[in-house]
Amino acid sequence: MSNDRTRRSGGSSRDMAEAAFKSATTKPAELPPAKPAIPNAKEMVSLRLDRDILDHFQKAGAGWQERINDALRKAIGK
């Protein structure tokens, strides 16, 4: 008779307890990062560059980050 009860309730007590535990302890899927609220805002990142590349952009002085950004923008055709 326990077989009939298992079928009616959707599974054994153990199966239901394991399902409840799993749903309570499973980390939800992470959402993709939100888009910045300000369009075209600059975003701080950490980037590893070869020393000669960095020297090339820094030799002209201040604004080297913008020059790297401009070069990358050209590289992607924008």
PDB file of N, CA and C in Angstrom:
ATOM      1  N   MET A   1       0.813  -1.187   0.000  1.00  0.00           N
ATOM      2  CA  MET A   1       0.000   0.000   0.000  1.00  0.00           C
ATOM      3  C   MET A   1       0.861   1.257   0.000  1.00  0.00           C
ATOM      4  N   SER A   2       2.042   1.180   0.549  1.00  0.00           N
ATOM      5  CA  SER A   2       2.910   2.345   0.535  1.00  0.00           C
ATOM      6  C   SER A   2       3.294   2.712  -0.898  1.00  0.00           C
ATOM      7  N   ASN A   3       3.269   1.695  -1.785  1.00  0.00           N
ATOM      8  CA  ASN A   3       3.558   1.954  -3.188  1.00  0.00           C
ATOM      9  C   ASN A   3       2.517   2.875  -3.797  1.00  0.00           C
ATOM     10  N   ASP A   4       1.230   2.655  -3.474  1.00  0.00           N
ATOM     11  CA  ASP A   4       0.159   3.505  -3.974  1.00  0.00           C
ATOM     12  C   ASP A   4       0.305   4.924  -3.418  1.00  0.00           C
ATOM     13  N   ARG A   5       0.676   5.027  -2.149  1.00  0.00           N
ATOM     14  CA  ARG A   5       0.820   6.330  -1.502  1.00  0.00           C
ATOM     15  C   ARG A   5       1.975   7.110  -2.144  1.00  0.00           C
ATOM     16  N   THR A   6       3.047   6.422  -2.458  1.00  0.00           N
ATOM     17  CA  THR A   6       4.197   7.064  -3.086  1.00  0.00           C
ATOM     18  C   THR A   6       3.808   7.619  -4.443  1.00  0.00           C
ATOM     19  N   ARG A   7       3.059   6.870  -5.187  1.00  0.00           N
ATOM     20  CA  ARG A   7       2.629   7.315  -6.510  1.00  0.00           C
ATOM     21  C   ARG A   7       1.712   8.530  -6.411  1.00  0.00           C
ATOM     22  N   ARG A   8       0.812   8.534  -5.432  1.00  0.00           N
ATOM     23  CA  ARG A   8      -0.137   9.631  -5.307  1.00  0.00           C
ATOM     24  C   ARG A   8       0.540  10.926  -4.852  1.00  0.00           C
ATOM     25  N   SER A   9       1.522  10.846  -4.000  1.00  0.00           N
ATOM     26  CA  SER A   9       2.124  12.055  -3.452  1.00  0.00           C
ATOM     27  C   SER A   9       3.237  12.602  -4.349  1.00  0.00           C
ATOM     28  N   GLY A  10       3.602  11.870  -5.395  1.00  0.00           N
ATOM     29  CA  GLY A  10       4.621  12.365  -6.286  1.00  0.00           C
ATOM     30  C   GLY A  10       6.014  11.890  -5.939  1.00  0.00           C
ATOM     31  N   GLY A  11       6.176  11.041  -4.973  1.00  0.00           N
ATOM     32  CA  GLY A  11       7.487  10.527  -4.621  1.00  0.00           C
ATOM     33  C   GLY A  11       7.550  10.171  -3.157  1.00  0.00           C
ATOM     34  N   SER A  12       8.630   9.551  -2.767  1.00  0.00           N
ATOM     35  CA  SER A  12       8.779   9.163  -1.369  1.00  0.00           C
ATOM     36  C   SER A  12       9.094  10.385  -0.523  1.00  0.00           C
ATOM     37  N   SER A  13       8.936  10.250   0.770  1.00  0.00           N
ATOM     38  CA  SER A  13       9.251  11.345   1.691  1.00  0.00           C
ATOM     39  C   SER A  13      10.709  11.745   1.542  1.00  0.00           C
ATOM     40  N   ARG A  14      11.555  10.758   1.356  1.00  0.00           N
ATOM     41  CA  ARG A  14      12.984  11.041   1.210  1.00  0.00           C
ATOM     42  C   ARG A  14      13.241  11.862  -0.067  1.00  0.00           C
ATOM     43  N   ASP A  15      12.611  11.466  -1.168  1.00  0.00           N
ATOM     44  CA  ASP A  15      12.770  12.205  -2.418  1.00  0.00           C
ATOM     45  C   ASP A  15      12.296  13.651  -2.259  1.00  0.00           C
ATOM     46  N   MET A  16      11.158  13.820  -1.580  1.00  0.00           N
ATOM     47  CA  MET A  16      10.624  15.166  -1.385  1.00  0.00           C
ATOM     48  C   MET A  16      11.543  15.984  -0.484  1.00  0.00           C
ATOM     49  N   ALA A  17      12.099  15.361   0.568  1.00  0.00           N
ATOM     50  CA  ALA A  17      13.018  16.060   1.473  1.00  0.00           C
ATOM     51  C   ALA A  17      14.289  16.453   0.735  1.00  0.00           C
ATOM     52  N   GLU A  18      14.815  15.553  -0.093  1.00  0.00           N
ATOM     53  CA  GLU A  18      16.019  15.865  -0.864  1.00  0.00           C
ATOM     54  C   GLU A  18      15.751  16.996  -1.855  1.00  0.00           C
ATOM     55  N   ALA A  19      14.596  16.979  -2.482  1.00  0.00           N
ATOM     56  CA  ALA A  19      14.251  18.045  -3.426  1.00  0.00           C
ATOM     57  C   ALA A  19      14.127  19.379  -2.700  1.00  0.00           C
ATOM     58  N   ALA A  20      13.510  19.375  -1.519  1.00  0.00           N
ATOM     59  CA  ALA A  20      13.370  20.601  -0.735  1.00  0.00           C
ATOM     60  C   ALA A  20      14.732  21.118  -0.301  1.00  0.00           C
ATOM     61  N   PHE A  21      15.617  20.212   0.130  1.00  0.00           N
ATOM     62  CA  PHE A  21      16.961  20.604   0.545  1.00  0.00           C
ATOM     63  C   PHE A  21      17.733  21.187  -0.628  1.00  0.00           C
ATOM     64  N   LYS A  22      17.625  20.533  -1.766  1.00  0.00           N
ATOM     65  CA  LYS A  22      18.353  20.997  -2.949  1.00  0.00           C
ATOM     66  C   LYS A  22      17.877  22.390  -3.361  1.00  0.00           C
ATOM     67  N   SER A  23      16.574  22.610  -3.358  1.00  0.00           N
ATOM     68  CA  SER A  23      16.061  23.920  -3.766  1.00  0.00           C
ATOM     69  C   SER A  23      16.440  25.003  -2.759  1.00  0.00           C
ATOM     70  N   ALA A  24      16.582  24.632  -1.485  1.00  0.00           N
ATOM     71  CA  ALA A  24      16.932  25.615  -0.462  1.00  0.00           C
ATOM     72  C   ALA A  24      18.425  25.914  -0.439  1.00  0.00           C
ATOM     73  N   THR A  25      19.252  24.991  -0.912  1.00  0.00           N
ATOM     74  CA  THR A  25      20.696  25.180  -0.821  1.00  0.00           C
ATOM     75  C   THR A  25      21.379  25.424  -2.154  1.00  0.00           C
ATOM     76  N   THR A  26      20.664  25.302  -3.246  1.00  0.00           N
ATOM     77  CA  THR A  26      21.260  25.512  -4.554  1.00  0.00           C
ATOM     78  C   THR A  26      21.389  27.006  -4.817  1.00  0.00           C
ATOM     79  N   LYS A  27      22.590  27.427  -5.216  1.00  0.00           N
ATOM     80  CA  LYS A  27      22.838  28.836  -5.526  1.00  0.00           C
ATOM     81  C   LYS A  27      22.117  29.174  -6.828  1.00  0.00           C
ATOM     82  N   PRO A  28      21.343  30.242  -6.830  1.00  0.00           N
ATOM     83  CA  PRO A  28      20.638  30.615  -8.066  1.00  0.00           C
ATOM     84  C   PRO A  28      21.644  31.037  -9.135  1.00  0.00           C
ATOM     85  N   ALA A  29      21.268  30.881 -10.368  1.00  0.00           N
ATOM     86  CA  ALA A  29      22.139  31.281 -11.473  1.00  0.00           C
ATOM     87  C   ALA A  29      22.397  32.775 -11.375  1.00  0.00           C
ATOM     88  N   GLU A  30      23.655  33.151 -11.603  1.00  0.00           N
ATOM     89  CA  GLU A  30      23.989  34.565 -11.528  1.00  0.00           C
ATOM     90  C   GLU A  30      23.514  35.282 -12.785  1.00  0.00           C
ATOM     91  N   LEU A  31      22.965  36.456 -12.566  1.00  0.00           N
ATOM     92  CA  LEU A  31      22.501  37.270 -13.676  1.00  0.00           C
ATOM     93  C   LEU A  31      23.695  37.957 -14.320  1.00  0.00           C
ATOM     94  N   PRO A  32      23.601  38.279 -15.599  1.00  0.00           N
ATOM     95  CA  PRO A  32      24.708  39.009 -16.218  1.00  0.00           C
ATOM     96  C   PRO A  32      24.844  40.382 -15.575  1.00  0.00           C
ATOM     97  N   PRO A  33      26.048  40.953 -15.603  1.00  0.00           N
ATOM     98  CA  PRO A  33      26.210  42.268 -14.978  1.00  0.00           C
ATOM     99  C   PRO A  33      25.293  43.297 -15.624  1.00  0.00           C
ATOM    100  N   ALA A  34      24.790  44.178 -14.793  1.00  0.00           N
ATOM    101  CA  ALA A  34      23.875  45.212 -15.281  1.00  0.00           C
ATOM    102  C   ALA A  34      24.632  46.201 -16.158  1.00  0.00           C
ATOM    103  N   LYS A  35      23.963  46.713 -17.153  1.00  0.00           N
ATOM    104  CA  LYS A  35      24.541  47.737 -18.015  1.00  0.00           C
ATOM    105  C   LYS A  35      24.689  49.019 -17.197  1.00  0.00           C
ATOM    106  N   PRO A  36      25.731  49.814 -17.491  1.00  0.00           N
ATOM    107  CA  PRO A  36      25.886  51.067 -16.744  1.00  0.00           C
ATOM    108  C   PRO A  36      24.675  51.976 -16.940  1.00  0.00           C
ATOM    109  N   ALA A  37      24.334  52.708 -15.903  1.00  0.00           N
ATOM    110  CA  ALA A  37      23.183  53.603 -15.969  1.00  0.00           C
ATOM    111  C   ALA A  37      23.457  54.777 -16.897  1.00  0.00           C
ATOM    112  N   ILE A  38      24.732  55.160 -17.022  1.00  0.00           N
ATOM    113  CA  ILE A  38      25.097  56.283 -17.886  1.00  0.00           C
ATOM    114  C   ILE A  38      25.648  55.725 -19.187  1.00  0.00           C
ATOM    115  N   PRO A  39      25.022  56.038 -20.311  1.00  0.00           N
ATOM    116  CA  PRO A  39      25.513  55.519 -21.596  1.00  0.00           C
ATOM    117  C   PRO A  39      26.933  56.014 -21.877  1.00  0.00           C
ATOM    118  N   ASN A  40      27.747  55.155 -22.462  1.00  0.00           N
ATOM    119  CA  ASN A  40      29.131  55.467 -22.832  1.00  0.00           C
ATOM    120  C   ASN A  40      30.009  55.876 -21.649  1.00  0.00           C
ATOM    121  N   ALA A  41      29.642  55.451 -20.450  1.00  0.00           N
ATOM    122  CA  ALA A  41      30.449  55.759 -19.272  1.00  0.00           C
ATOM    123  C   ALA A  41      31.725  54.929 -19.313  1.00  0.00           C
ATOM    124  N   LYS A  42      32.791  55.505 -18.804  1.00  0.00           N
ATOM    125  CA  LYS A  42      34.058  54.775 -18.712  1.00  0.00           C
ATOM    126  C   LYS A  42      33.951  53.780 -17.564  1.00  0.00           C
ATOM    127  N   GLU A  43      34.593  52.646 -17.732  1.00  0.00           N
ATOM    128  CA  GLU A  43      34.578  51.625 -16.696  1.00  0.00           C
ATOM    129  C   GLU A  43      35.999  51.255 -16.346  1.00  0.00           C
ATOM    130  N   MET A  44      36.296  51.215 -15.042  1.00  0.00           N
ATOM    131  CA  MET A  44      37.639  50.876 -14.609  1.00  0.00           C
ATOM    132  C   MET A  44      37.845  49.369 -14.729  1.00  0.00           C
ATOM    133  N   VAL A  45      38.966  48.996 -15.365  1.00  0.00           N
ATOM    134  CA  VAL A  45      39.315  47.592 -15.510  1.00  0.00           C
ATOM    135  C   VAL A  45      40.792  47.410 -15.204  1.00  0.00           C
ATOM    136  N   SER A  46      41.170  46.198 -14.972  1.00  0.00           N
ATOM    137  CA  SER A  46      42.575  45.851 -14.809  1.00  0.00           C
ATOM    138  C   SER A  46      42.982  45.094 -16.063  1.00  0.00           C
ATOM    139  N   LEU A  47      44.084  45.502 -16.661  1.00  0.00           N
ATOM    140  CA  LEU A  47      44.488  44.944 -17.939  1.00  0.00           C
ATOM    141  C   LEU A  47      45.993  44.738 -17.943  1.00  0.00           C
ATOM    142  N   ARG A  48      46.436  43.584 -18.386  1.00  0.00           N
ATOM    143  CA  ARG A  48      47.878  43.323 -18.479  1.00  0.00           C
ATOM    144  C   ARG A  48      48.337  43.599 -19.898  1.00  0.00           C
ATOM    145  N   LEU A  49      49.316  44.518 -20.010  1.00  0.00           N
ATOM    146  CA  LEU A  49      49.869  44.888 -21.302  1.00  0.00           C
ATOM    147  C   LEU A  49      51.373  44.631 -21.288  1.00  0.00           C
ATOM    148  N   ASP A  50      51.910  44.319 -22.449  1.00  0.00           N
ATOM    149  CA  ASP A  50      53.361  44.190 -22.551  1.00  0.00           C
ATOM    150  C   ASP A  50      53.982  45.557 -22.264  1.00  0.00           C
ATOM    151  N   ARG A  51      55.176  45.547 -21.647  1.00  0.00           N
ATOM    152  CA  ARG A  51      55.834  46.788 -21.253  1.00  0.00           C
ATOM    153  C   ARG A  51      56.064  47.715 -22.444  1.00  0.00           C
ATOM    154  N   ASP A  52      56.477  47.167 -23.595  1.00  0.00           N
ATOM    155  CA  ASP A  52      56.746  48.025 -24.749  1.00  0.00           C
ATOM    156  C   ASP A  52      55.475  48.711 -25.262  1.00  0.00           C
ATOM    157  N   ILE A  53      54.344  48.051 -25.147  1.00  0.00           N
ATOM    158  CA  ILE A  53      53.069  48.653 -25.551  1.00  0.00           C
ATOM    159  C   ILE A  53      52.736  49.812 -24.619  1.00  0.00           C
ATOM    160  N   LEU A  54      52.859  49.576 -23.333  1.00  0.00           N
ATOM    161  CA  LEU A  54      52.580  50.614 -22.344  1.00  0.00           C
ATOM    162  C   LEU A  54      53.525  51.800 -22.534  1.00  0.00           C
ATOM    163  N   ASP A  55      54.809  51.522 -22.728  1.00  0.00           N
ATOM    164  CA  ASP A  55      55.787  52.599 -22.954  1.00  0.00           C
ATOM    165  C   ASP A  55      55.398  53.441 -24.168  1.00  0.00           C
ATOM    166  N   HIS A  56      54.966  52.775 -25.231  1.00  0.00           N
ATOM    167  CA  HIS A  56      54.573  53.474 -26.454  1.00  0.00           C
ATOM    168  C   HIS A  56      53.477  54.509 -26.170  1.00  0.00           C
ATOM    169  N   PHE A  57      52.473  54.117 -25.433  1.00  0.00           N
ATOM    170  CA  PHE A  57      51.358  55.019 -25.162  1.00  0.00           C
ATOM    171  C   PHE A  57      51.698  56.059 -24.105  1.00  0.00           C
ATOM    172  N   GLN A  58      52.573  55.727 -23.172  1.00  0.00           N
ATOM    173  CA  GLN A  58      52.911  56.655 -22.097  1.00  0.00           C
ATOM    174  C   GLN A  58      53.957  57.693 -22.499  1.00  0.00           C
ATOM    175  N   LYS A  59      54.727  57.437 -23.562  1.00  0.00           N
ATOM    176  CA  LYS A  59      55.820  58.350 -23.901  1.00  0.00           C
ATOM    177  C   LYS A  59      55.319  59.739 -24.299  1.00  0.00           C
ATOM    178  N   ALA A  60      54.093  59.860 -24.742  1.00  0.00           N
ATOM    179  CA  ALA A  60      53.538  61.165 -25.105  1.00  0.00           C
ATOM    180  C   ALA A  60      52.956  61.903 -23.900  1.00  0.00           C
ATOM    181  N   GLY A  61      53.029  61.300 -22.735  1.00  0.00           N
ATOM    182  CA  GLY A  61      52.578  61.971 -21.510  1.00  0.00           C
ATOM    183  C   GLY A  61      51.142  61.641 -21.139  1.00  0.00           C
ATOM    184  N   ALA A  62      50.555  62.589 -20.421  1.00  0.00           N
ATOM    185  CA  ALA A  62      49.192  62.402 -19.897  1.00  0.00           C
ATOM    186  C   ALA A  62      48.217  62.080 -21.024  1.00  0.00           C
ATOM    187  N   GLY A  63      47.202  61.322 -20.684  1.00  0.00           N
ATOM    188  CA  GLY A  63      46.180  60.941 -21.657  1.00  0.00           C
ATOM    189  C   GLY A  63      46.449  59.608 -22.323  1.00  0.00           C
ATOM    190  N   TRP A  64      47.421  58.860 -21.791  1.00  0.00           N
ATOM    191  CA  TRP A  64      47.768  57.583 -22.425  1.00  0.00           C
ATOM    192  C   TRP A  64      46.626  56.586 -22.367  1.00  0.00           C
ATOM    193  N   GLN A  65      45.809  56.631 -21.311  1.00  0.00           N
ATOM    194  CA  GLN A  65      44.667  55.708 -21.239  1.00  0.00           C
ATOM    195  C   GLN A  65      43.689  55.979 -22.379  1.00  0.00           C
ATOM    196  N   GLU A  66      43.446  57.258 -22.661  1.00  0.00           N
ATOM    197  CA  GLU A  66      42.544  57.617 -23.750  1.00  0.00           C
ATOM    198  C   GLU A  66      43.116  57.184 -25.094  1.00  0.00           C
ATOM    199  N   ARG A  67      44.443  57.288 -25.248  1.00  0.00           N
ATOM    200  CA  ARG A  67      45.069  56.851 -26.498  1.00  0.00           C
ATOM    201  C   ARG A  67      44.932  55.341 -26.686  1.00  0.00           C
ATOM    202  N   ILE A  68      45.071  54.602 -25.602  1.00  0.00           N
ATOM    203  CA  ILE A  68      44.857  53.149 -25.695  1.00  0.00           C
ATOM    204  C   ILE A  68      43.402  52.870 -26.061  1.00  0.00           C
ATOM    205  N   ASN A  69      42.472  53.587 -25.447  1.00  0.00           N
ATOM    206  CA  ASN A  69      41.051  53.414 -25.750  1.00  0.00           C
ATOM    207  C   ASN A  69      40.774  53.711 -27.221  1.00  0.00           C
ATOM    208  N   ASP A  70      41.363  54.802 -27.726  1.00  0.00           N
ATOM    209  CA  ASP A  70      41.173  55.163 -29.137  1.00  0.00           C
ATOM    210  C   ASP A  70      41.733  54.089 -30.067  1.00  0.00           C
ATOM    211  N   ALA A  71      42.912  53.543 -29.726  1.00  0.00           N
ATOM    212  CA  ALA A  71      43.515  52.496 -30.557  1.00  0.00           C
ATOM    213  C   ALA A  71      42.649  51.237 -30.560  1.00  0.00           C
ATOM    214  N   LEU A  72      42.104  50.895 -29.403  1.00  0.00           N
ATOM    215  CA  LEU A  72      41.221  49.720 -29.332  1.00  0.00           C
ATOM    216  C   LEU A  72      39.931  49.960 -30.116  1.00  0.00           C
ATOM    217  N   ARG A  73      39.412  51.180 -30.039  1.00  0.00           N
ATOM    218  CA  ARG A  73      38.194  51.512 -30.784  1.00  0.00           C
ATOM    219  C   ARG A  73      38.449  51.376 -32.292  1.00  0.00           C
ATOM    220  N   LYS A  74      39.616  51.846 -32.752  1.00  0.00           N
ATOM    221  CA  LYS A  74      39.973  51.688 -34.169  1.00  0.00           C
ATOM    222  C   LYS A  74      40.073  50.226 -34.550  1.00  0.00           C
ATOM    223  N   ALA A  75      40.640  49.421 -33.653  1.00  0.00           N
ATOM    224  CA  ALA A  75      40.837  47.993 -33.922  1.00  0.00           C
ATOM    225  C   ALA A  75      39.511  47.265 -34.128  1.00  0.00           C
ATOM    226  N   ILE A  76      38.464  47.725 -33.479  1.00  0.00           N
ATOM    227  CA  ILE A  76      37.161  47.056 -33.650  1.00  0.00           C
ATOM    228  C   ILE A  76      36.293  47.753 -34.696  1.00  0.00           C
ATOM    229  N   GLY A  77      36.853  48.797 -35.323  1.00  0.00           N
ATOM    230  CA  GLY A  77      36.136  49.440 -36.431  1.00  0.00           C
ATOM    231  C   GLY A  77      35.082  50.425 -36.020  1.00  0.00           C
ATOM    232  N   LYS A  78      35.235  51.053 -34.881  1.00  0.00           N
ATOM    233  CA  LYS A  78      34.240  52.055 -34.437  1.00  0.00           C
ATOM    234  C   LYS A  78      34.873  53.424 -34.388  1.00  0.00           C
TER     235      LYS A  78
END
